[in-house]
Structure formats: structure tokens, C-alpha cells
Amino acid sequence: MLSELNGYYLSQEEPNRECMLALRRYILSYNEHMTETWTHRMPMFRYKGKLFCYLWVDKKTYLPYIGIYKGIDIEHPKLELGNRNKMKTMIIQPQEDLPLPILNEIFQMALQLY
């Protein structure tokens, strides 16, 4: 039986499914202290046990995005605050290669906050 976490990824339609699975692999391999949990019915990633980021799909555009927990303290042109008060998000275009240089920049800034 599939876990809820794996079921979430597998329930996504292509190309979002492959994009989100690629993001999952990237995040987990970014740092040895990254772990994945199923929290609030969504995939969340923790750094040394503390909330770091999460993956979700925008309800209006159906595009996947990554939410950065301490995003409010990060200034990066690709991060958007939207109507949130602590987290910022970055939309990912599922039909394009992952923007790894940008994700690396954001993750480096975020790790400095832990």
C-alpha cells in the first residue's frame, strides 16, 4: 500500500508529477540533513527537524510551486509573498528544466537562517 506522501505525488497529472518528483529528489539531495514528512496533507521538508519548505500546486494556475518557510526574511526576485505573512513561494514551470542555479541561491540564503 502506498503511503499518503507517495500517493500525493502519484496523484498529480503530468507534467506536474515529474516536476514535483524532480523537486523532491533535488531537495532531499541538497543537504544530508533534509528529510521529508507528510504534514497538513502536503509534502514538507525539514532541515535538522525544523520546517524548511513544502511543495504544492496553485489552485488557479495549476502550476507547482515551492514554499520557503522563512521566506519573509529572504530577498530574491523569484520569491513572491502573495497574501502570505511569513512564507514566500516560487512558481516552477513544469515543462522546463528545474531552475537549479536559482533554487541553489534561495536554499543557500534560507539555510543561513537556521
Protein backbone atom coordinates (compact mmCIF):
# COMPACT_ATOMS: atom_id res chain seq x y z
CA MET A 1 0.00 0.00 0.00
CA LEU A 2 1.31 3.43 -0.94
CA SER A 3 1.88 5.98 1.75
CA GLU A 4 -0.10 9.21 1.62
CA LEU A 5 3.11 11.00 0.71
CA ASN A 6 3.83 8.84 -2.33
CA GLY A 7 0.15 8.85 -3.21
CA TYR A 8 0.20 12.65 -3.33
CA TYR A 9 2.96 12.72 -5.93
CA LEU A 10 1.42 9.92 -7.98
CA SER A 11 -1.97 11.66 -8.00
CA GLN A 12 -0.54 14.70 -9.80
CA GLU A 13 -1.11 14.97 -13.52
CA GLU A 14 1.80 15.20 -15.91
CA PRO A 15 3.88 17.28 -16.35
CA ASN A 16 3.43 18.36 -12.71
CA ARG A 17 4.07 14.85 -11.39
CA GLU A 18 7.53 14.54 -12.90
CA CYS A 19 8.38 18.14 -11.98
CA MET A 20 7.40 17.63 -8.34
CA LEU A 21 9.26 14.31 -8.15
CA ALA A 22 12.35 16.07 -9.56
CA LEU A 23 11.95 18.82 -6.95
CA ARG A 24 11.63 16.16 -4.25
CA ARG A 25 14.88 14.49 -5.37
CA TYR A 26 16.63 17.87 -5.55
CA ILE A 27 15.55 18.95 -2.06
CA LEU A 28 16.42 15.65 -0.40
CA SER A 29 19.83 15.58 -2.06
CA TYR A 30 20.57 19.27 -1.38
CA ASN A 31 21.76 18.62 2.15
CA GLU A 32 22.24 15.47 4.23
CA HIS A 33 20.05 16.98 6.98
CA MET A 34 16.96 17.32 4.74
CA THR A 35 14.06 14.98 5.50
CA GLU A 36 10.56 14.72 4.10
CA THR A 37 7.36 14.49 6.11
CA TRP A 38 3.64 14.37 5.37
CA THR A 39 2.25 17.30 7.35
CA HIS A 40 -1.03 19.20 6.90
CA ARG A 41 -1.77 16.83 3.99
CA MET A 42 1.19 18.06 1.94
CA PRO A 43 4.84 17.13 1.41
CA MET A 44 7.02 19.17 3.73
CA PHE A 45 10.75 19.18 4.02
CA ARG A 46 12.67 19.74 7.21
CA TYR A 47 16.23 20.82 7.82
CA LYS A 48 17.56 19.28 11.02
CA GLY A 49 13.97 18.68 12.09
CA LYS A 50 12.79 22.25 11.51
CA LEU A 51 10.34 23.22 8.77
CA PHE A 52 12.21 24.37 5.68
CA CYS A 53 9.96 24.20 2.61
CA TYR A 54 6.98 22.46 1.05
CA LEU A 55 5.63 21.57 -2.40
CA TRP A 56 2.16 22.37 -3.63
CA VAL A 57 0.13 23.15 -6.75
CA ASP A 58 -1.50 26.55 -7.22
CA LYS A 59 -5.29 26.17 -7.35
CA LYS A 60 -5.79 28.83 -10.02
CA THR A 61 -2.87 28.23 -12.40
CA TYR A 62 -2.32 24.52 -11.63
CA LEU A 63 1.43 25.20 -11.60
CA PRO A 64 3.61 23.59 -8.95
CA TYR A 65 5.44 25.79 -6.51
CA ILE A 66 7.88 25.55 -3.67
CA GLY A 67 7.09 27.41 -0.45
CA ILE A 68 10.00 28.59 1.69
CA TYR A 69 9.16 28.75 5.41
CA LYS A 70 11.46 31.58 6.38
CA GLY A 71 10.93 33.26 3.03
CA ILE A 72 9.84 36.53 4.64
CA ASP A 73 13.49 37.02 5.62
CA ILE A 74 14.83 36.32 2.12
CA GLU A 75 15.05 38.92 -0.61
CA HIS A 76 15.13 37.22 -4.00
CA PRO A 77 13.37 38.39 -7.18
CA LYS A 78 11.90 34.93 -7.86
CA LEU A 79 10.24 34.64 -4.44
CA GLU A 80 6.73 36.06 -4.03
CA LEU A 81 4.99 36.86 -0.77
CA GLY A 82 1.48 36.97 -2.21
CA ASN A 83 -1.16 37.01 0.54
CA ARG A 84 1.06 35.14 3.00
CA ASN A 85 2.65 36.73 6.04
CA LYS A 86 5.70 34.50 6.63
CA MET A 87 6.36 32.27 3.66
CA LYS A 88 7.33 33.13 0.12
CA THR A 89 6.78 30.95 -2.88
CA MET A 90 8.41 30.31 -6.22
CA ILE A 91 6.37 29.02 -9.15
CA ILE A 92 8.04 26.24 -11.11
CA GLN A 93 7.32 25.80 -14.82
CA PRO A 94 6.78 22.04 -15.13
CA GLN A 95 7.64 21.84 -18.82
CA GLU A 96 11.04 23.46 -18.34
CA ASP A 97 14.22 22.26 -16.67
CA LEU A 98 14.37 22.96 -12.95
CA PRO A 99 15.97 26.36 -12.31
CA LEU A 100 18.75 24.81 -10.24
CA PRO A 101 21.00 27.91 -10.02
CA ILE A 102 18.07 29.94 -8.67
CA LEU A 103 16.99 27.19 -6.26
CA ASN A 104 20.60 26.89 -5.05
CA GLU A 105 20.72 30.66 -4.36
CA ILE A 106 17.44 30.60 -2.45
CA PHE A 107 18.35 27.49 -0.47
CA GLN A 108 21.74 28.94 0.47
CA MET A 109 20.03 32.08 1.79
CA ALA A 110 17.42 30.02 3.62
CA LEU A 111 19.96 27.71 5.28
CA GLN A 112 21.69 30.74 6.79
CA LEU A 113 18.52 31.39 8.79
CA TYR A 114 18.70 28.04 10.65
